[in-house]
Amino acid sequence: MENFTCELFCKLLESQFEDYADNYDYFRFGEQAGTRGWPRLRGIMGSLTRRMGFYRHHHLLSKANFTEWWPQLPNLEWMFHHLDDDESRRLLVDIVAYRILGYSFTRLEFAFHLTT
């Protein structure tokens, strides 16, 4: 992993068509609005049709997601280069992608290392 901006945009491009219906943090934010009945079924059907290639939703291309993050790219690039290992760099990329796209497009994978 050499360049934060390149890694981030690759992560955003590969995540833009994901649909994680089970990635919402109920313990922290409470029940999600609009998850009962038909809206949930519509989300599942949309996810299936996108995965089969019948439907494409270009969520990533909206400017609203990038306007607040664009000025921070130099700072994030600096932080990326000062992290010790690739696992930490990958986690930084995943967290920023999660913040830009949201919980339904990016899943954060945490690996906890316990030391005794």
Protein backbone atom coordinates (compact mmCIF):
# COMPACT_ATOMS: atom_id res chain seq x y z
CA MET A 1 0.00 0.00 0.00
CA GLU A 2 1.76 3.10 -1.23
CA ASN A 3 -0.76 5.89 -1.77
CA PHE A 4 -3.77 6.70 0.41
CA THR A 5 -5.73 8.50 -2.30
CA CYS A 6 -5.33 5.64 -4.75
CA GLU A 7 -6.25 3.03 -2.13
CA LEU A 8 -9.27 5.06 -1.01
CA PHE A 9 -10.66 5.51 -4.51
CA CYS A 10 -10.14 1.81 -5.27
CA LYS A 11 -12.06 0.95 -2.07
CA LEU A 12 -14.84 3.41 -2.96
CA LEU A 13 -15.16 2.02 -6.48
CA GLU A 14 -15.33 -1.59 -5.32
CA SER A 15 -17.81 -0.76 -2.52
CA GLN A 16 -20.25 1.49 -4.36
CA PHE A 17 -22.58 -1.34 -5.42
CA GLU A 18 -22.57 -3.26 -2.12
CA ASP A 19 -25.67 -3.39 0.01
CA TYR A 20 -25.09 -4.57 3.57
CA ALA A 21 -28.53 -4.70 5.15
CA ASP A 22 -27.08 -6.20 8.35
CA ASN A 23 -24.32 -3.61 8.91
CA TYR A 24 -26.33 -1.06 10.94
CA ASP A 25 -25.29 -0.60 14.60
CA TYR A 26 -28.57 -1.08 16.50
CA PHE A 27 -26.88 -0.99 19.90
CA ARG A 28 -25.39 2.45 19.30
CA PHE A 29 -28.07 4.19 17.19
CA GLY A 30 -31.29 2.36 18.10
CA GLU A 31 -33.76 1.01 15.58
CA GLN A 32 -33.21 2.20 12.04
CA ALA A 33 -36.03 4.24 10.54
CA GLY A 34 -37.87 2.54 7.68
CA THR A 35 -36.66 -1.02 8.22
CA ARG A 36 -40.05 -2.65 8.68
CA GLY A 37 -42.02 -4.47 6.01
CA TRP A 38 -41.77 -3.47 2.36
CA PRO A 39 -38.84 -1.03 2.51
CA ARG A 40 -36.62 -3.86 3.79
CA LEU A 41 -37.89 -6.24 1.09
CA ARG A 42 -37.29 -3.55 -1.53
CA GLY A 43 -33.70 -3.19 -0.29
CA ILE A 44 -33.12 -6.94 -0.51
CA MET A 45 -34.56 -7.09 -4.04
CA GLY A 46 -32.48 -4.09 -5.09
CA SER A 47 -29.36 -5.77 -3.72
CA LEU A 48 -30.08 -8.99 -5.60
CA THR A 49 -30.77 -7.23 -8.89
CA ARG A 50 -27.60 -5.13 -8.56
CA ARG A 51 -25.50 -8.21 -7.88
CA MET A 52 -26.96 -9.93 -10.94
CA GLY A 53 -26.15 -6.90 -13.10
CA PHE A 54 -29.69 -5.74 -13.86
CA TYR A 55 -29.65 -2.52 -11.88
CA ARG A 56 -26.89 0.00 -11.23
CA HIS A 57 -27.22 2.81 -8.72
CA HIS A 58 -24.39 5.34 -9.08
CA HIS A 59 -24.24 6.38 -5.45
CA LEU A 60 -20.52 7.12 -5.45
CA LEU A 61 -20.68 9.77 -8.14
CA SER A 62 -22.54 12.33 -6.07
CA LYS A 63 -20.45 15.41 -5.23
CA ALA A 64 -21.96 15.80 -1.76
CA ASN A 65 -19.87 12.92 -0.40
CA PHE A 66 -16.53 14.34 -1.52
CA THR A 67 -16.86 18.05 -0.78
CA GLU A 68 -16.22 17.62 2.95
CA TRP A 69 -13.44 15.03 2.50
CA TRP A 70 -11.46 16.54 -0.37
CA PRO A 71 -9.66 19.19 1.77
CA GLN A 72 -8.64 16.46 4.26
CA LEU A 73 -6.87 14.24 1.71
CA PRO A 74 -3.37 15.71 2.33
CA ASN A 75 -3.74 15.17 6.10
CA LEU A 76 -5.03 11.63 5.60
CA GLU A 77 -2.20 10.93 3.15
CA TRP A 78 0.31 12.08 5.76
CA MET A 79 -1.29 9.88 8.42
CA PHE A 80 -1.35 6.92 6.00
CA HIS A 81 2.42 7.20 5.42
CA HIS A 82 3.18 7.46 9.14
CA LEU A 83 1.33 4.30 10.13
CA ASP A 84 3.55 1.32 10.93
CA ASP A 85 1.99 -1.55 9.01
CA ASP A 86 -0.29 -2.40 6.11
CA GLU A 87 -3.07 -3.60 8.43
CA SER A 88 -3.29 -0.14 10.02
CA ARG A 89 -3.21 1.53 6.61
CA ARG A 90 -5.98 -0.74 5.34
CA LEU A 91 -8.07 0.06 8.43
CA LEU A 92 -7.65 3.81 7.82
CA VAL A 93 -8.80 3.40 4.21
CA ASP A 94 -11.78 1.29 5.34
CA ILE A 95 -12.82 3.81 8.00
CA VAL A 96 -12.71 6.77 5.61
CA ALA A 97 -14.62 4.78 2.96
CA TYR A 98 -17.18 3.87 5.64
CA ARG A 99 -17.58 7.54 6.56
CA ILE A 100 -17.98 8.60 2.92
CA LEU A 101 -20.31 5.85 1.68
CA GLY A 102 -22.09 4.85 4.89
CA TYR A 103 -22.88 1.61 6.66
CA SER A 104 -24.81 -0.02 3.82
CA PHE A 105 -21.92 0.18 1.33
CA THR A 106 -18.86 -0.51 3.48
CA ARG A 107 -18.36 -3.13 6.16
CA LEU A 108 -15.63 -2.59 8.72
CA GLU A 109 -13.73 -5.75 9.59
CA PHE A 110 -12.05 -5.51 12.96
CA ALA A 111 -9.44 -7.97 14.11
CA PHE A 112 -8.71 -7.76 17.81
CA HIS A 113 -5.27 -8.88 18.93
CA LEU A 114 -5.06 -9.70 22.59
CA THR A 115 -1.67 -9.65 24.23
CA THR A 116 -0.97 -11.23 27.59
